[in-house]
Amino acid sequence: MTISEYVAVLVEIADDSGGGVVAPPRTVPDCRDDEDNLVLDLAAEVASSSSSRMTPT
């Protein structure tokens, strides 16, 4: 199985489960390691998405 095929299977699983796949904007350039920046970009996007869905109690 190629990487592209593997990614396609993961996307299909995410879609079938009611989830999805995000490509967060590149907003965190703080770390020298680009992969760390990608993780921080994702964390920032998830925090942003979840806070917009929260309702006050």
C-alpha atoms as a PDB file:
ATOM      1  CA  MET A   1       0.000   0.000   0.000  1.00  0.00           C
ATOM      2  CA  THR A   2       1.370   3.409  -0.925  1.00  0.00           C
ATOM      3  CA  ILE A   3       1.230   6.441   1.355  1.00  0.00           C
ATOM      4  CA  SER A   4      -1.404   8.019  -0.897  1.00  0.00           C
ATOM      5  CA  GLU A   5      -3.577   4.917  -0.632  1.00  0.00           C
ATOM      6  CA  TYR A   6      -3.114   4.842   3.141  1.00  0.00           C
ATOM      7  CA  VAL A   7      -4.095   8.509   3.441  1.00  0.00           C
ATOM      8  CA  ALA A   8      -7.153   7.866   1.249  1.00  0.00           C
ATOM      9  CA  VAL A   9      -8.250   5.050   3.584  1.00  0.00           C
ATOM     10  CA  LEU A  10      -7.814   7.279   6.647  1.00  0.00           C
ATOM     11  CA  VAL A  11      -9.812  10.091   5.018  1.00  0.00           C
ATOM     12  CA  GLU A  12     -12.576   7.631   4.124  1.00  0.00           C
ATOM     13  CA  ILE A  13     -12.669   6.319   7.711  1.00  0.00           C
ATOM     14  CA  ALA A  14     -12.856   9.865   9.076  1.00  0.00           C
ATOM     15  CA  ASP A  15     -15.651  10.807   6.669  1.00  0.00           C
ATOM     16  CA  ASP A  16     -17.623   7.608   7.335  1.00  0.00           C
ATOM     17  CA  SER A  17     -17.412   8.152  11.097  1.00  0.00           C
ATOM     18  CA  GLY A  18     -18.926  11.620  10.831  1.00  0.00           C
ATOM     19  CA  GLY A  19     -15.589  13.315  11.345  1.00  0.00           C
ATOM     20  CA  GLY A  20     -13.381  14.933   8.803  1.00  0.00           C
ATOM     21  CA  VAL A  21      -9.908  15.964   7.872  1.00  0.00           C
ATOM     22  CA  VAL A  22      -8.574  19.461   8.426  1.00  0.00           C
ATOM     23  CA  ALA A  23      -5.633  21.270   6.934  1.00  0.00           C
ATOM     24  CA  PRO A  24      -5.027  23.992   9.510  1.00  0.00           C
ATOM     25  CA  PRO A  25      -3.544  27.291   8.416  1.00  0.00           C
ATOM     26  CA  ARG A  26       0.152  27.723   9.135  1.00  0.00           C
ATOM     27  CA  THR A  27       0.032  30.192  12.024  1.00  0.00           C
ATOM     28  CA  VAL A  28       2.712  29.029  14.475  1.00  0.00           C
ATOM     29  CA  PRO A  29       6.313  29.650  13.358  1.00  0.00           C
ATOM     30  CA  ASP A  30       7.784  29.510  16.884  1.00  0.00           C
ATOM     31  CA  CYS A  31       9.822  26.283  16.762  1.00  0.00           C
ATOM     32  CA  ARG A  32      12.925  25.514  14.756  1.00  0.00           C
ATOM     33  CA  ASP A  33      11.461  22.085  13.990  1.00  0.00           C
ATOM     34  CA  ASP A  34       8.833  22.423  11.262  1.00  0.00           C
ATOM     35  CA  GLU A  35       7.027  19.271  12.417  1.00  0.00           C
ATOM     36  CA  ASP A  36       6.587  20.793  15.880  1.00  0.00           C
ATOM     37  CA  ASN A  37       5.078  23.859  14.223  1.00  0.00           C
ATOM     38  CA  LEU A  38       2.608  21.612  12.374  1.00  0.00           C
ATOM     39  CA  VAL A  39       1.498  20.058  15.674  1.00  0.00           C
ATOM     40  CA  LEU A  40       1.081  23.516  17.218  1.00  0.00           C
ATOM     41  CA  ASP A  41      -0.870  24.710  14.155  1.00  0.00           C
ATOM     42  CA  LEU A  42      -3.255  21.776  14.580  1.00  0.00           C
ATOM     43  CA  ALA A  43      -3.634  22.409  18.314  1.00  0.00           C
ATOM     44  CA  ALA A  44      -4.408  26.076  17.663  1.00  0.00           C
ATOM     45  CA  GLU A  45      -6.998  25.159  15.016  1.00  0.00           C
ATOM     46  CA  VAL A  46      -8.700  22.587  17.245  1.00  0.00           C
ATOM     47  CA  ALA A  47      -8.835  25.027  20.155  1.00  0.00           C
ATOM     48  CA  SER A  48     -10.307  27.665  17.862  1.00  0.00           C
ATOM     49  CA  SER A  49     -12.908  25.278  16.441  1.00  0.00           C
ATOM     50  CA  SER A  50     -13.989  23.880  19.785  1.00  0.00           C
ATOM     51  CA  SER A  51     -14.336  27.285  21.443  1.00  0.00           C
ATOM     52  CA  SER A  52     -16.645  28.504  18.683  1.00  0.00           C
ATOM     53  CA  ARG A  53     -18.978  25.526  19.298  1.00  0.00           C
ATOM     54  CA  MET A  54     -19.136  26.017  23.058  1.00  0.00           C
ATOM     55  CA  THR A  55     -22.277  27.508  24.478  1.00  0.00           C
ATOM     56  CA  PRO A  56     -22.389  29.492  27.703  1.00  0.00           C
ATOM     57  CA  THR A  57     -24.007  27.804  30.684  1.00  0.00           C
END
